[in-house]
Structures are given as structure tokens and as C-alpha cells.
């Protein structure tokens, strides 16, 4: 191109716009090579649409020869450098880092530092999850040591979610190991998801007066008389070890009285979702003090899970002396910022299935129509159903529920205020946030889209922080639909080793869907090698 011709257009308005447009175009091209989106691109189109292709081509050629590209290159390099430094600073404050990472311990003094370990124990077909917390203070040596050692002996707070297996031998062996390592013999909280034998049969061994742990607080779902007989009907078709059968029957007949035998300081009963008012009789009971920790151990308090995390939960006292609550979460070691959150959620079986079960029992036992609910209020009748009419109750459950499940309590365990927390994990890669939450689901059902939405709403502040998700009912296809997006977890776990060949636990289609999504899957069975152990230090920077 002739330079004289090009400069002849310099006084023309279009020529001026063409030059500006060319400048912006070149600037944007350089910025793209650095991965930057130049602001100049926002102006480019508004100039370009008023300029002919020929005029713009002339201006672009001139600018390519006269534009100070090196100066803008230096500017882009500086911008990239500043951004990398900002990202590194942010990562140092909030990242999950491996303990070997050079930045892992170079932080400002933290307001609070907690060591958290969790163990999914290899009991076979059942459930036994142990979690621990320890206040690590400001001692870096303690931080490092906590990631390399067994947390159970020195934990300031220990909780258990379910304790059972089928056959029972699997959970007994794991219980003995836990008790032997827990020199203080203190168990702060026991959560019971539901009353299936393979989830509770280990409790008498775990809480044995002479050879077990001393439990402070037991948390379980509210089940009325009908719910408990339904729970019995589900496992009534199979048999277990004699003491497990006896304990299972006692829990069905009188759950609060049976659990009270272990001497807990308090028993907390959580109402199912959707029973905040009306027919449960909740408001007819006398008020009670909200659950909180005793004088020993790490401090915690119960608070309303829907009350902005400051309101106490609405609590009532049952005739048996338990505390019944509508909505609750347990804040452990909570300060102005930080601490640990244990948040339950109870999903009740459908009313239609419950009514079908009642009708089926009435038909099988030739009871008058509509008499079931009144009869099961009487302890003698409940005991008769459990001891004399086992198969009839089991047949009624199979007819009314099929492969569906009854009321179950889920539990979230994770840092409070996780968006401001950092975490260091043992043998882990680097992450952009302290996403270390765990979710246990018992035998909850995730087949109904509406039920999934309600579950997600209850855990709306926690779902994004769940990294480990326990599949419900050992990964059964009858409880979980992989096409319904429940949670974006990194690790999906099934505690399963079915003793009956017709059980498909975990379901192959669920495992396949998990792996296809890019997440990891882990089966914990009876093999000691299948033990799932997750260790971390969680901190809130000062």
C-alpha cells in the first residue's frame, strides 16, 4: 500500500474511525494470546459497522507497521503476572492443599483450626461411620501430626452415624477396634438413621456398659407406632443373630426406653419433614430446653436449621423424657466464625404407602377395618406383632411398599462457614476451596424428583460443599435414580456386601453413571482393605 494515499485520508472522519478500529483490533489480538479479554473488543463492533472493508483494511495495514506492539505486550505480561499473584494469594488462604505442598503451612495465624477425621468402617452389608474433631490450636506440629496419626484416641469430639451389619460379626469386630483405641470411652453423639437391623444391631456392643463407650447424646428420627411396625416389617422376612433380633424388637416396641438403657444424658428425636404442625401432636407436648452439650467434652449447641443459624430450635418434651425437635442442626466448637456442623434431615414414607400397610395387616390378621392405628398404641399389641406375627407384618410390608423404604434420617457433616475456610488434606491434590463435607443418607429414597428438591432445599447452604456422598440403601437402584441430580460430589460410596444373591448392591447402572460423570466410586465391604479413611485440617484464617 502507498503510504501517501493512506495519510491522505487522515482528516476524514471515517479514516479516523478506521484507524481507531484497527488499533483496537490489534490490541485485542495481542490480549488474546495472553488469555485476556481486552476491553477494546467491546468497542470494536461499534466502530467496524460504519467503516467499509476496504478502508478498514488500509488502516489495519498501516497500524500493523506503526503500532507499538511491544509496549502492549509488556502491559499484558504485567496484567497476567498481577493476576497470577492474586490467584496464588487467594489459593493460599482458601485452598485444599496436600500436606507436602510448600504453601500448605505458610498462612496467617488462624482464628480456629480443627482436625477432622472420618472412617467408613468395613463391616460388610450395613453401616458404621465414625467422625472425630480435635481443636489443634496454633501449633503447626500438631497440625502435621494429626494428618499422620489415628484421631480416635485423642479426639475432643467423636460421633457415630449408624452401627450395624448383616451378619453381625462384621460390625462387632469394628466396634472392638474403635472401643480399644478410645481410651476415654467417650462418645459425644450417636446418630441413628433408621431402625433396620443392619444399621442398629451393633449399638448394644458399641454402648455396652462394661466393654463399650459411654454416649452423651443419641439422635434418631421420630417414628410413630405405625412407622416402627413398618420398619420391623421390612426386615422381618430375614433373621439374624439372636441378640440382634431381640434388640431390634425392643427398639421397634419402645425406641426411647430401649436407648435410655445405655445411659445417655439426652435423647433427641427429630421430626420428619412436613410435620411442623398438625397431626403429630408436637405442640400438645410441654416445652423443653434446646439440646446442648454437657460440662464435659467439646462444646456444642442445637439451633434452628431454618432460623438464620442463631435461633434456638423449637423443642418439646416427650412423656418418656426425650427432647423432640422440628428442625435442628448441631454447631460443634462454634465461635464467631468457624466450627463444625452436623445437620440431620428426616424424610418420612409416603402416607399412601403407610395406609396400604395398615390395611394389609388388618386383612392378614383379620382385624376390624381401621383398627390398626389404635391397636398399635398398646405396647402388648406391638409386642405381639413383633414376636407372634412376624411373617404377616413382613408380607404386609412387601405388599404395601415393595422395594421402597420407610422413614430415614440423613446427616450432613462439614465445616461451618466453609466459604471462608481452608483445608489441608493428606495425600490430596490442590483444590480451589475448602470443600470437605460428607453426607450420609441411611436408606432415604431419591427416586421422586419432588423429594430430591425438598432434600436439596433443606441442605441449600451445604450441598455445594459435599465432597463425599454415601449412596442410600447400599447403592440400591430402588432408592436412587442417577438421572436425578442430587449432589455434585467427588466421591460416591456404597457400604455393601449383600448376603442374598438377589440383592444388587451397589446397582451396576448407578456405579456406571457415577464413573461416567467423572466422579470416583468406592465400595466399602467386609475387607479391611476397603476401609475409607479421610483426614483433614480445617482452618479459618485470621
Protein backbone atom coordinates (compact mmCIF):
# COMPACT_ATOMS: atom_id res chain seq x y z
CA UNK A 1 0.00 0.00 0.00
CA UNK A 2 1.18 3.54 -0.80
CA UNK A 3 1.76 5.48 2.46
CA UNK A 4 0.94 8.78 0.74
CA UNK A 5 -2.52 7.53 -0.24
CA UNK A 6 -3.12 6.24 3.30
CA UNK A 7 -2.19 9.50 5.01
CA UNK A 8 -4.30 11.47 2.54
CA UNK A 9 -7.33 10.14 4.37
CA UNK A 10 -6.13 11.23 7.81
CA UNK A 11 -8.53 14.20 8.01
CA UNK A 12 -11.53 12.18 7.00
CA UNK A 13 -13.83 11.12 9.88
CA UNK A 14 -14.20 7.61 8.52
CA UNK A 15 -10.47 7.31 8.18
CA UNK A 16 -10.03 8.33 11.83
CA UNK A 17 -12.56 5.72 12.94
CA UNK A 18 -10.87 3.10 10.78
CA UNK A 19 -7.54 3.82 12.47
CA UNK A 20 -9.08 3.59 15.94
CA UNK A 21 -10.80 0.38 14.96
CA UNK A 22 -7.51 -1.06 13.69
CA UNK A 23 -5.78 -0.08 16.94
CA UNK A 24 -8.46 -1.86 18.96
CA UNK A 25 -8.33 -4.91 16.71
CA UNK A 26 -4.57 -5.30 17.11
CA UNK A 27 -4.80 -4.71 20.85
CA UNK A 28 -7.46 -7.42 21.18
CA UNK A 29 -5.36 -9.89 19.13
CA UNK A 30 -2.36 -9.39 21.41
CA UNK A 31 -4.53 -9.68 24.52
CA UNK A 32 -5.99 -12.97 23.31
CA UNK A 33 -2.52 -14.52 23.11
CA UNK A 34 -2.23 -13.85 26.87
CA UNK A 35 -5.66 -15.24 27.64
CA UNK A 36 -7.02 -11.75 28.41
CA UNK A 37 -10.28 -10.33 27.14
CA UNK A 38 -9.36 -6.79 26.21
CA UNK A 39 -11.86 -4.06 26.89
CA UNK A 40 -11.07 -2.79 23.42
CA UNK A 41 -13.12 -5.63 21.96
CA UNK A 42 -16.26 -4.09 23.43
CA UNK A 43 -15.76 -1.02 21.19
CA UNK A 44 -14.61 -2.82 18.09
CA UNK A 45 -18.00 -3.77 16.64
CA UNK A 46 -19.49 -0.29 17.12
CA UNK A 47 -16.66 1.20 15.01
CA UNK A 48 -16.47 -1.59 12.48
CA UNK A 49 -20.07 -1.49 11.31
CA UNK A 50 -19.69 2.09 9.97
CA UNK A 51 -16.49 1.52 8.00
CA UNK A 52 -16.06 -0.11 4.62
CA UNK A 53 -13.96 -3.25 4.37
CA UNK A 54 -11.51 -1.56 2.02
CA UNK A 55 -10.99 1.45 4.32
CA UNK A 56 -10.54 -0.74 7.34
CA UNK A 57 -8.05 -2.97 5.51
CA UNK A 58 -5.94 0.09 4.65
CA UNK A 59 -5.98 1.38 8.24
CA UNK A 60 -5.20 -2.07 9.62
CA UNK A 61 -2.17 -2.48 7.37
CA UNK A 62 -0.83 0.94 8.41
CA UNK A 63 -1.38 0.27 12.10
CA UNK A 64 0.40 -3.07 11.89
CA UNK A 65 3.53 -1.15 10.81
CA UNK A 66 3.20 1.78 13.23
CA UNK A 67 1.50 0.29 16.33
CA UNK A 68 3.79 -0.04 19.40
CA UNK A 69 3.08 -3.71 19.94
CA UNK A 70 5.98 -4.36 22.31
CA UNK A 71 4.69 -1.79 24.76
CA UNK A 72 1.31 -3.50 24.86
CA UNK A 73 2.98 -6.91 25.15
CA UNK A 74 4.72 -5.67 28.30
CA UNK A 75 1.38 -4.40 29.62
CA UNK A 76 -0.28 -7.79 29.06
CA UNK A 77 2.58 -9.63 30.76
CA UNK A 78 2.24 -7.35 33.77
CA UNK A 79 -1.54 -7.92 33.93
CA UNK A 80 -1.01 -11.69 33.80
CA UNK A 81 1.63 -11.52 36.50
CA UNK A 82 -0.64 -9.48 38.77
CA UNK A 83 -3.50 -11.90 38.25
CA UNK A 84 -1.35 -14.94 38.94
CA UNK A 85 -0.14 -13.35 42.15
CA UNK A 86 -3.73 -12.59 43.24
CA UNK A 87 -4.81 -16.16 42.45
CA UNK A 88 -1.88 -17.55 44.42
CA UNK A 89 -2.70 -15.38 47.41
CA UNK A 90 -6.34 -16.43 47.29
CA UNK A 91 -5.38 -20.11 46.97
CA UNK A 92 -3.06 -19.84 49.96
CA UNK A 93 -5.99 -18.66 52.04
CA UNK A 94 -8.77 -20.96 50.82
CA UNK A 95 -7.31 -23.95 49.01
CA UNK A 96 -7.33 -27.60 49.96
CA UNK A 97 -3.65 -28.46 49.74
CA UNK A 98 -1.67 -31.67 50.21
CA UNK A 99 0.34 -31.63 53.43
CA UNK A 100 3.57 -31.83 51.40
CA UNK A 101 2.78 -28.65 49.45
CA UNK A 102 5.26 -25.85 50.24
CA UNK A 103 2.42 -23.35 50.81
CA UNK A 104 0.35 -25.67 52.99
CA UNK A 105 1.54 -24.28 56.31
CA UNK A 106 2.60 -20.75 55.38
CA UNK A 107 -0.50 -18.88 56.45
CA UNK A 108 -1.54 -16.05 58.69
CA UNK A 109 -2.42 -17.12 62.19
CA UNK A 110 -5.84 -18.78 62.02
CA UNK A 111 -8.80 -17.89 64.21
CA UNK A 112 -9.65 -21.57 64.60
CA UNK A 113 -8.05 -24.84 63.50
CA UNK A 114 -9.89 -28.18 63.68
CA UNK A 115 -8.63 -31.60 62.78
CA UNK A 116 -11.37 -33.76 61.27
CA UNK A 117 -11.07 -37.46 60.50
CA UNK A 118 -13.82 -39.75 59.30
CA UNK A 119 -13.87 -43.51 58.86
CA UNK A 120 -16.31 -45.65 56.88
CA UNK A 121 -15.60 -48.97 58.53
CA UNK A 122 -15.56 -52.27 56.60
CA UNK A 123 -18.49 -54.06 58.25
CA UNK A 124 -20.00 -55.58 55.09
CA UNK A 125 -23.71 -55.10 54.42
CA UNK A 126 -24.58 -52.39 56.90
CA UNK A 127 -23.38 -49.01 58.10
CA UNK A 128 -20.79 -47.77 60.59
CA UNK A 129 -19.32 -44.28 60.11
CA UNK A 130 -17.13 -42.64 62.76
CA UNK A 131 -16.18 -38.95 62.74
CA UNK A 132 -13.81 -37.08 65.04
CA UNK A 133 -12.89 -33.46 65.76
CA UNK A 134 -9.88 -32.05 67.60
CA UNK A 135 -9.01 -28.46 68.47
CA UNK A 136 -5.46 -28.07 67.14
CA UNK A 137 -4.80 -24.52 68.34
CA UNK A 138 -1.91 -22.67 66.66
CA UNK A 139 0.68 -25.44 66.91
CA UNK A 140 1.86 -26.33 63.41
CA UNK A 141 3.46 -29.53 64.68
CA UNK A 142 0.06 -30.68 65.92
CA UNK A 143 -1.45 -29.90 62.54
CA UNK A 144 1.05 -32.12 60.78
CA UNK A 145 0.88 -34.87 63.37
CA UNK A 146 -2.91 -35.01 63.18
CA UNK A 147 -2.75 -35.92 59.48
CA UNK A 148 -0.36 -38.79 60.12
CA UNK A 149 -1.90 -40.32 63.25
CA UNK A 150 -5.01 -42.16 64.43
CA UNK A 151 -7.51 -39.50 65.55
CA UNK A 152 -9.74 -41.69 67.70
CA UNK A 153 -7.62 -41.85 70.90
CA UNK A 154 -7.12 -38.06 71.22
CA UNK A 155 -10.33 -36.67 69.65
CA UNK A 156 -12.06 -33.88 71.57
CA UNK A 157 -15.37 -34.84 69.95
CA UNK A 158 -16.47 -38.14 68.40
CA UNK A 159 -19.72 -39.05 66.70
CA UNK A 160 -21.07 -42.21 65.06
CA UNK A 161 -23.64 -42.49 62.27
CA UNK A 162 -25.30 -45.93 62.34
CA UNK A 163 -23.75 -49.06 63.78
CA UNK A 164 -24.81 -52.37 62.30
CA UNK A 165 -24.20 -55.11 59.75
CA UNK A 166 -25.69 -58.31 58.38
CA UNK A 167 -24.26 -60.66 59.53
CA UNK A 168 -23.50 -59.00 62.85
CA UNK A 169 -19.92 -60.34 63.09
CA UNK A 170 -18.66 -57.60 60.77
CA UNK A 171 -19.74 -54.70 62.96
CA UNK A 172 -18.69 -56.40 66.23
CA UNK A 173 -15.10 -56.62 65.02
CA UNK A 174 -15.04 -52.93 64.04
CA UNK A 175 -16.67 -51.89 67.32
CA UNK A 176 -14.00 -53.70 69.31
CA UNK A 177 -11.30 -51.86 67.36
CA UNK A 178 -12.88 -48.45 67.96
CA UNK A 179 -13.50 -49.05 71.67
CA UNK A 180 -9.96 -50.33 72.25
CA UNK A 181 -8.50 -47.16 70.72
CA UNK A 182 -10.86 -44.75 72.52
CA UNK A 183 -9.19 -44.69 75.93
CA UNK A 184 -11.57 -42.07 77.36
CA UNK A 185 -14.51 -44.29 76.38
CA UNK A 186 -16.45 -41.12 75.48
CA UNK A 187 -18.84 -40.95 72.53
CA UNK A 188 -20.34 -37.50 72.16
CA UNK A 189 -23.15 -38.23 69.70
CA UNK A 190 -24.74 -41.31 68.15
CA UNK A 191 -26.96 -40.71 65.08
CA UNK A 192 -29.40 -43.46 64.09
CA UNK A 193 -30.64 -43.18 60.51
CA UNK A 194 -33.47 -45.73 60.81
CA UNK A 195 -34.39 -48.95 62.57
CA UNK A 196 -33.29 -51.61 60.09
CA UNK A 197 -31.38 -54.39 61.85
CA UNK A 198 -28.29 -53.99 59.65
CA UNK A 199 -27.98 -50.35 60.76
CA UNK A 200 -28.53 -50.72 64.52
CA UNK A 201 -27.56 -54.24 65.64
CA UNK A 202 -24.06 -53.11 66.70
CA UNK A 203 -25.34 -50.45 69.12
CA UNK A 204 -25.58 -52.78 72.17
CA UNK A 205 -21.92 -53.68 71.63
CA UNK A 206 -20.81 -50.10 70.97
CA UNK A 207 -22.58 -48.83 74.10
CA UNK A 208 -22.08 -51.85 76.33
CA UNK A 209 -21.89 -50.80 79.98
CA UNK A 210 -18.61 -52.63 80.66
CA UNK A 211 -16.93 -53.13 77.30
CA UNK A 212 -18.29 -50.24 75.22
CA UNK A 213 -18.36 -46.44 75.07
CA UNK A 214 -20.35 -44.01 77.22
CA UNK A 215 -22.63 -41.98 74.97
CA UNK A 216 -23.67 -38.43 75.80
CA UNK A 217 -26.41 -37.77 73.20
CA UNK A 218 -28.43 -40.07 70.94
CA UNK A 219 -30.16 -38.55 67.90
CA UNK A 220 -32.77 -40.52 65.97
CA UNK A 221 -35.76 -39.88 63.69
CA UNK A 222 -39.27 -39.56 65.06
CA UNK A 223 -41.28 -42.67 64.20
CA UNK A 224 -44.80 -43.11 65.47
CA UNK A 225 -46.19 -46.53 66.35
CA UNK A 226 -47.17 -47.23 62.74
CA UNK A 227 -43.78 -46.20 61.37
CA UNK A 228 -41.98 -48.54 63.74
CA UNK A 229 -44.05 -51.56 62.80
CA UNK A 230 -43.42 -50.71 59.16
CA UNK A 231 -39.69 -50.66 59.92
CA UNK A 232 -39.96 -54.08 61.52
CA UNK A 233 -41.88 -55.43 58.55
CA UNK A 234 -39.07 -54.51 56.22
CA UNK A 235 -36.52 -56.74 57.97
CA UNK A 236 -38.97 -59.28 59.30
CA UNK A 237 -38.55 -61.63 56.35
CA UNK A 238 -34.91 -62.30 57.28
CA UNK A 239 -33.39 -63.47 60.53
CA UNK A 240 -30.22 -62.50 62.34
CA UNK A 241 -28.19 -63.33 65.41
CA UNK A 242 -30.41 -63.85 68.47
CA UNK A 243 -29.28 -60.83 70.48
CA UNK A 244 -29.61 -58.64 67.37
CA UNK A 245 -33.17 -59.89 66.87
CA UNK A 246 -34.04 -59.15 70.48
CA UNK A 247 -32.58 -55.63 70.37
CA UNK A 248 -34.30 -54.92 67.06
CA UNK A 249 -37.65 -55.96 68.52
CA UNK A 250 -37.12 -53.85 71.64
CA UNK A 251 -36.34 -50.75 69.54
CA UNK A 252 -39.50 -51.27 67.49
CA UNK A 253 -41.67 -51.65 70.59
CA UNK A 254 -40.11 -48.85 72.67
CA UNK A 255 -37.24 -46.95 70.96
CA UNK A 256 -36.75 -44.24 73.60
CA UNK A 257 -36.92 -46.66 76.52
CA UNK A 258 -34.54 -49.07 74.80
CA UNK A 259 -31.98 -46.36 74.02
CA UNK A 260 -32.31 -44.94 77.54
CA UNK A 261 -30.89 -48.20 78.93
CA UNK A 262 -27.46 -47.14 77.66
CA UNK A 263 -27.49 -44.13 79.98
CA UNK A 264 -27.25 -41.17 77.57
CA UNK A 265 -27.52 -37.69 79.07
CA UNK A 266 -30.19 -36.87 76.48
CA UNK A 267 -32.10 -38.40 73.59
CA UNK A 268 -33.03 -36.07 70.72
CA UNK A 269 -35.84 -37.08 68.35
CA UNK A 270 -36.05 -35.23 65.00
CA UNK A 271 -39.44 -34.72 63.38
CA UNK A 272 -39.85 -35.75 59.73
CA UNK A 273 -40.04 -33.11 57.01
CA UNK A 274 -43.54 -31.75 56.53
CA UNK A 275 -44.75 -32.42 60.09
CA UNK A 276 -44.12 -28.99 61.57
CA UNK A 277 -47.72 -28.69 62.63
CA UNK A 278 -50.98 -30.56 62.76
CA UNK A 279 -51.49 -34.23 63.46
CA UNK A 280 -48.19 -35.14 65.09
CA UNK A 281 -49.26 -33.71 68.45
CA UNK A 282 -45.97 -31.82 68.70
CA UNK A 283 -47.49 -28.62 70.07
CA UNK A 284 -49.51 -30.51 72.66
CA UNK A 285 -46.32 -31.58 74.45
CA UNK A 286 -44.71 -29.39 77.15
CA UNK A 287 -41.80 -27.12 76.11
CA UNK A 288 -38.23 -28.34 76.62
CA UNK A 289 -34.80 -26.76 76.72
CA UNK A 290 -32.99 -26.97 73.36
CA UNK A 291 -30.31 -29.69 73.19
CA UNK A 292 -26.77 -28.61 74.07
CA UNK A 293 -23.52 -30.11 75.25
CA UNK A 294 -22.86 -31.09 78.83
CA UNK A 295 -19.99 -29.92 81.04
CA UNK A 296 -17.50 -32.38 79.54
CA UNK A 297 -16.07 -32.61 76.04
CA UNK A 298 -16.09 -30.12 73.18
CA UNK A 299 -18.90 -27.57 73.40
CA UNK A 300 -21.84 -27.72 71.00
CA UNK A 301 -25.38 -26.41 70.80
CA UNK A 302 -28.53 -27.14 68.87
CA UNK A 303 -30.01 -24.38 66.74
CA UNK A 304 -32.89 -24.00 64.31
CA UNK A 305 -31.71 -25.12 60.87
CA UNK A 306 -34.08 -22.59 59.27
CA UNK A 307 -33.59 -19.77 61.76
CA UNK A 308 -30.56 -18.00 60.37
CA UNK A 309 -28.27 -20.17 62.46
CA UNK A 310 -28.82 -18.10 65.56
CA UNK A 311 -32.30 -19.06 66.76
CA UNK A 312 -32.71 -21.98 69.17
CA UNK A 313 -34.77 -24.91 67.84
CA UNK A 314 -38.37 -25.32 68.92
CA UNK A 315 -38.25 -28.24 71.38
CA UNK A 316 -40.81 -30.31 73.29
CA UNK A 317 -40.52 -32.96 76.00
CA UNK A 318 -41.97 -36.42 75.32
CA UNK A 319 -43.62 -38.42 78.13
CA UNK A 320 -40.58 -40.75 78.07
CA UNK A 321 -38.22 -37.84 78.77
CA UNK A 322 -36.72 -37.35 75.29
CA UNK A 323 -36.41 -33.99 73.55
CA UNK A 324 -38.34 -33.79 70.29
CA UNK A 325 -37.46 -31.04 67.80
CA UNK A 326 -38.84 -29.85 64.49
CA UNK A 327 -35.75 -28.53 62.73
CA UNK A 328 -32.26 -28.70 64.15
CA UNK A 329 -28.58 -28.56 63.38
CA UNK A 330 -25.74 -29.10 65.81
CA UNK A 331 -22.99 -26.47 65.87
CA UNK A 332 -19.82 -28.00 67.34
CA UNK A 333 -16.94 -25.83 68.57
CA UNK A 334 -18.76 -22.82 67.14
CA UNK A 335 -17.19 -19.38 67.63
CA UNK A 336 -17.74 -16.04 65.96
CA UNK A 337 -16.55 -17.75 62.79
CA UNK A 338 -15.80 -21.41 62.16
CA UNK A 339 -16.68 -24.64 63.88
CA UNK A 340 -18.28 -27.84 62.63
CA UNK A 341 -21.84 -28.51 61.54
CA UNK A 342 -23.87 -31.71 61.96
CA UNK A 343 -27.23 -31.27 60.26
CA UNK A 344 -29.89 -34.02 60.10
CA UNK A 345 -32.86 -34.32 57.77
CA UNK A 346 -35.72 -36.80 58.15
CA UNK A 347 -37.82 -37.89 55.18
CA UNK A 348 -40.99 -39.80 56.01
CA UNK A 349 -42.52 -42.63 53.99
CA UNK A 350 -45.49 -41.66 51.85
CA UNK A 351 -48.90 -41.51 53.52
CA UNK A 352 -50.41 -43.67 50.79
CA UNK A 353 -47.91 -46.48 51.43
CA UNK A 354 -48.46 -46.21 55.19
CA UNK A 355 -52.22 -46.56 54.82
CA UNK A 356 -51.80 -49.52 52.47
CA UNK A 357 -49.59 -51.25 55.06
CA UNK A 358 -52.14 -50.73 57.84
CA UNK A 359 -54.91 -52.15 55.66
CA UNK A 360 -52.78 -55.16 54.71
CA UNK A 361 -52.07 -56.05 58.35
CA UNK A 362 -55.80 -55.77 59.16
CA UNK A 363 -56.64 -58.18 56.34
CA UNK A 364 -53.91 -60.70 57.17
CA UNK A 365 -54.71 -60.76 60.90
CA UNK A 366 -58.47 -60.41 60.39
CA UNK A 367 -58.63 -57.26 62.46
CA UNK A 368 -61.59 -54.91 62.05
CA UNK A 369 -61.16 -52.37 59.28
CA UNK A 370 -59.49 -49.18 60.50
CA UNK A 371 -58.39 -50.70 63.83
CA UNK A 372 -54.62 -50.89 63.20
CA UNK A 373 -53.68 -47.43 64.45
CA UNK A 374 -55.50 -47.81 67.74
CA UNK A 375 -54.19 -51.31 68.36
CA UNK A 376 -50.52 -50.43 67.86
CA UNK A 377 -50.76 -47.71 70.50
CA UNK A 378 -50.87 -50.58 73.02
CA UNK A 379 -47.43 -52.00 73.86
CA UNK A 380 -48.84 -55.52 74.26
CA UNK A 381 -50.18 -55.43 70.70
CA UNK A 382 -46.88 -54.12 69.32
CA UNK A 383 -45.00 -56.89 71.08
CA UNK A 384 -47.43 -59.45 69.69
CA UNK A 385 -46.84 -58.18 66.13
CA UNK A 386 -43.06 -58.42 66.60
CA UNK A 387 -43.00 -61.85 68.26
CA UNK A 388 -46.05 -63.78 67.02
CA UNK A 389 -46.99 -62.21 63.70
CA UNK A 390 -43.58 -61.57 62.17
CA UNK A 391 -44.33 -63.09 58.76
CA UNK A 392 -47.70 -61.36 58.47
CA UNK A 393 -46.10 -57.98 59.14
CA UNK A 394 -43.36 -58.78 56.63
CA UNK A 395 -45.92 -59.76 53.96
CA UNK A 396 -47.86 -56.54 54.60
CA UNK A 397 -44.70 -54.51 54.12
CA UNK A 398 -43.83 -56.32 50.89
CA UNK A 399 -47.33 -55.75 49.54
CA UNK A 400 -47.57 -52.06 50.52
CA UNK A 401 -44.00 -50.89 49.99
CA UNK A 402 -42.39 -53.39 47.63
CA UNK A 403 -38.75 -52.35 47.34
CA UNK A 404 -39.30 -48.84 48.68
CA UNK A 405 -38.04 -47.70 52.05
CA UNK A 406 -39.51 -46.21 55.18
CA UNK A 407 -38.61 -43.11 57.20
CA UNK A 408 -34.86 -42.38 57.34
CA UNK A 409 -32.54 -39.71 58.76
CA UNK A 410 -29.76 -38.23 56.60
CA UNK A 411 -26.81 -36.32 58.06
CA UNK A 412 -24.50 -33.59 56.72
CA UNK A 413 -21.11 -33.23 58.39
CA UNK A 414 -18.84 -30.37 57.34
CA UNK A 415 -17.24 -27.05 58.29
CA UNK A 416 -19.44 -24.19 59.37
CA UNK A 417 -18.92 -21.14 57.11
CA UNK A 418 -16.99 -23.29 54.59
CA UNK A 419 -16.75 -20.41 52.11
CA UNK A 420 -14.30 -18.66 54.46
CA UNK A 421 -12.41 -21.80 55.48
CA UNK A 422 -9.33 -23.52 54.16
CA UNK A 423 -8.40 -27.17 54.45
CA UNK A 424 -5.28 -29.28 54.15
CA UNK A 425 -5.82 -32.91 53.22
CA UNK A 426 -3.44 -35.80 53.48
CA UNK A 427 -2.38 -37.22 50.09
CA UNK A 428 -4.71 -34.94 48.14
CA UNK A 429 -4.42 -32.66 45.16
CA UNK A 430 -4.95 -28.90 45.33
CA UNK A 431 -8.49 -27.53 45.22
CA UNK A 432 -9.83 -24.00 44.92
CA UNK A 433 -11.98 -24.16 48.08
CA UNK A 434 -12.41 -25.94 51.41
CA UNK A 435 -14.92 -28.44 50.04
CA UNK A 436 -14.72 -31.31 52.50
CA UNK A 437 -18.33 -32.04 53.54
CA UNK A 438 -19.74 -35.55 53.99
CA UNK A 439 -23.32 -36.71 53.52
CA UNK A 440 -24.80 -39.90 54.98
CA UNK A 441 -28.22 -40.91 53.67
CA UNK A 442 -29.18 -44.10 55.51
CA UNK A 443 -31.92 -45.71 53.44
CA UNK A 444 -33.51 -42.47 52.20
CA UNK A 445 -35.24 -42.55 48.82
CA UNK A 446 -34.06 -40.34 45.95
CA UNK A 447 -36.37 -41.66 43.24
CA UNK A 448 -39.01 -38.92 43.44
CA UNK A 449 -37.97 -35.57 41.87
CA UNK A 450 -40.05 -33.66 44.41
CA UNK A 451 -38.37 -35.47 47.31
CA UNK A 452 -34.96 -34.65 45.81
CA UNK A 453 -35.92 -30.96 45.53
CA UNK A 454 -37.02 -30.87 49.17
CA UNK A 455 -33.81 -32.56 50.24
CA UNK A 456 -31.74 -30.05 48.28
CA UNK A 457 -33.73 -27.17 49.73
CA UNK A 458 -33.12 -28.38 53.27
CA UNK A 459 -29.38 -28.54 52.53
CA UNK A 460 -29.28 -25.50 50.25
CA UNK A 461 -26.36 -23.95 52.19
CA UNK A 462 -24.40 -27.21 52.35
CA UNK A 463 -24.88 -29.01 49.01
CA UNK A 464 -22.06 -27.18 47.22
CA UNK A 465 -19.62 -28.25 49.95
CA UNK A 466 -20.29 -32.00 49.87
CA UNK A 467 -17.31 -33.93 48.56
CA UNK A 468 -18.17 -37.44 49.87
CA UNK A 469 -21.68 -38.84 49.39
CA UNK A 470 -22.90 -42.13 50.88
CA UNK A 471 -25.32 -43.80 48.49
CA UNK A 472 -28.63 -44.68 50.16
CA UNK A 473 -29.52 -48.30 50.90
CA UNK A 474 -26.06 -49.60 49.96
CA UNK A 475 -26.39 -48.25 46.42
CA UNK A 476 -29.72 -49.92 45.62
CA UNK A 477 -31.41 -48.92 42.37
CA UNK A 478 -34.72 -48.84 44.26
CA UNK A 479 -33.53 -45.82 46.27
CA UNK A 480 -31.50 -43.79 43.82
CA UNK A 481 -32.01 -42.53 40.28
CA UNK A 482 -28.69 -41.32 38.81
CA UNK A 483 -30.55 -39.16 36.29
CA UNK A 484 -31.87 -37.01 39.14
CA UNK A 485 -29.04 -34.66 40.03
CA UNK A 486 -28.82 -34.86 43.84
CA UNK A 487 -25.35 -33.52 44.55
CA UNK A 488 -22.10 -32.84 42.69
CA UNK A 489 -19.89 -35.00 44.91
CA UNK A 490 -16.32 -36.02 44.10
CA UNK A 491 -16.50 -39.41 45.84
CA UNK A 492 -19.56 -41.68 45.93
CA UNK A 493 -19.51 -44.52 48.44
CA UNK A 494 -21.59 -47.68 48.85
CA UNK A 495 -21.33 -49.72 52.05
CA UNK A 496 -22.35 -53.09 50.64
CA UNK A 497 -21.69 -56.81 50.65
CA UNK A 498 -25.08 -58.45 50.18
CA UNK A 499 -25.54 -61.94 51.61
CA UNK A 500 -28.58 -62.60 49.43
CA UNK A 501 -27.87 -63.14 45.73
CA UNK A 502 -30.99 -61.32 44.54
CA UNK A 503 -29.77 -58.04 46.07
CA UNK A 504 -27.91 -55.84 43.60
CA UNK A 505 -25.90 -53.64 45.95
CA UNK A 506 -24.49 -51.46 44.59
CA UNK A 507 -26.52 -51.38 41.38
CA UNK A 508 -24.23 -51.64 38.30
CA UNK A 509 -26.11 -48.89 36.46
CA UNK A 510 -25.53 -46.46 39.35
CA UNK A 511 -21.81 -47.23 39.52
CA UNK A 512 -21.54 -46.83 35.75
CA UNK A 513 -23.33 -43.46 35.82
CA UNK A 514 -21.07 -42.17 38.61
CA UNK A 515 -17.91 -43.09 36.76
CA UNK A 516 -19.25 -41.67 33.50
CA UNK A 517 -19.75 -38.32 35.24
CA UNK A 518 -16.05 -38.17 36.08
CA UNK A 519 -16.55 -38.72 39.82
CA UNK A 520 -14.91 -41.50 41.83
CA UNK A 521 -16.71 -44.53 43.25
CA UNK A 522 -15.71 -46.59 46.27
CA UNK A 523 -17.29 -49.75 47.71
CA UNK A 524 -16.66 -50.46 51.37
CA UNK A 525 -17.33 -54.11 52.16
CA UNK A 526 -16.02 -56.51 54.83
CA UNK A 527 -12.43 -56.48 53.59
CA UNK A 528 -10.09 -54.46 55.87
CA UNK A 529 -8.50 -53.05 52.72
CA UNK A 530 -11.79 -51.38 51.78
CA UNK A 531 -11.71 -49.09 54.84
CA UNK A 532 -12.36 -45.49 53.75
CA UNK A 533 -10.35 -43.03 55.83
CA UNK A 534 -10.43 -39.28 55.17
CA UNK A 535 -8.19 -36.92 57.16
CA UNK A 536 -8.02 -33.14 57.05
CA UNK A 537 -7.14 -29.97 58.91
CA UNK A 538 -9.75 -27.21 58.51
CA UNK A 539 -8.94 -23.62 59.47
CA UNK A 540 -10.44 -20.17 59.36
CA UNK A 541 -7.71 -17.59 58.57
CA UNK A 542 -7.33 -14.63 60.90
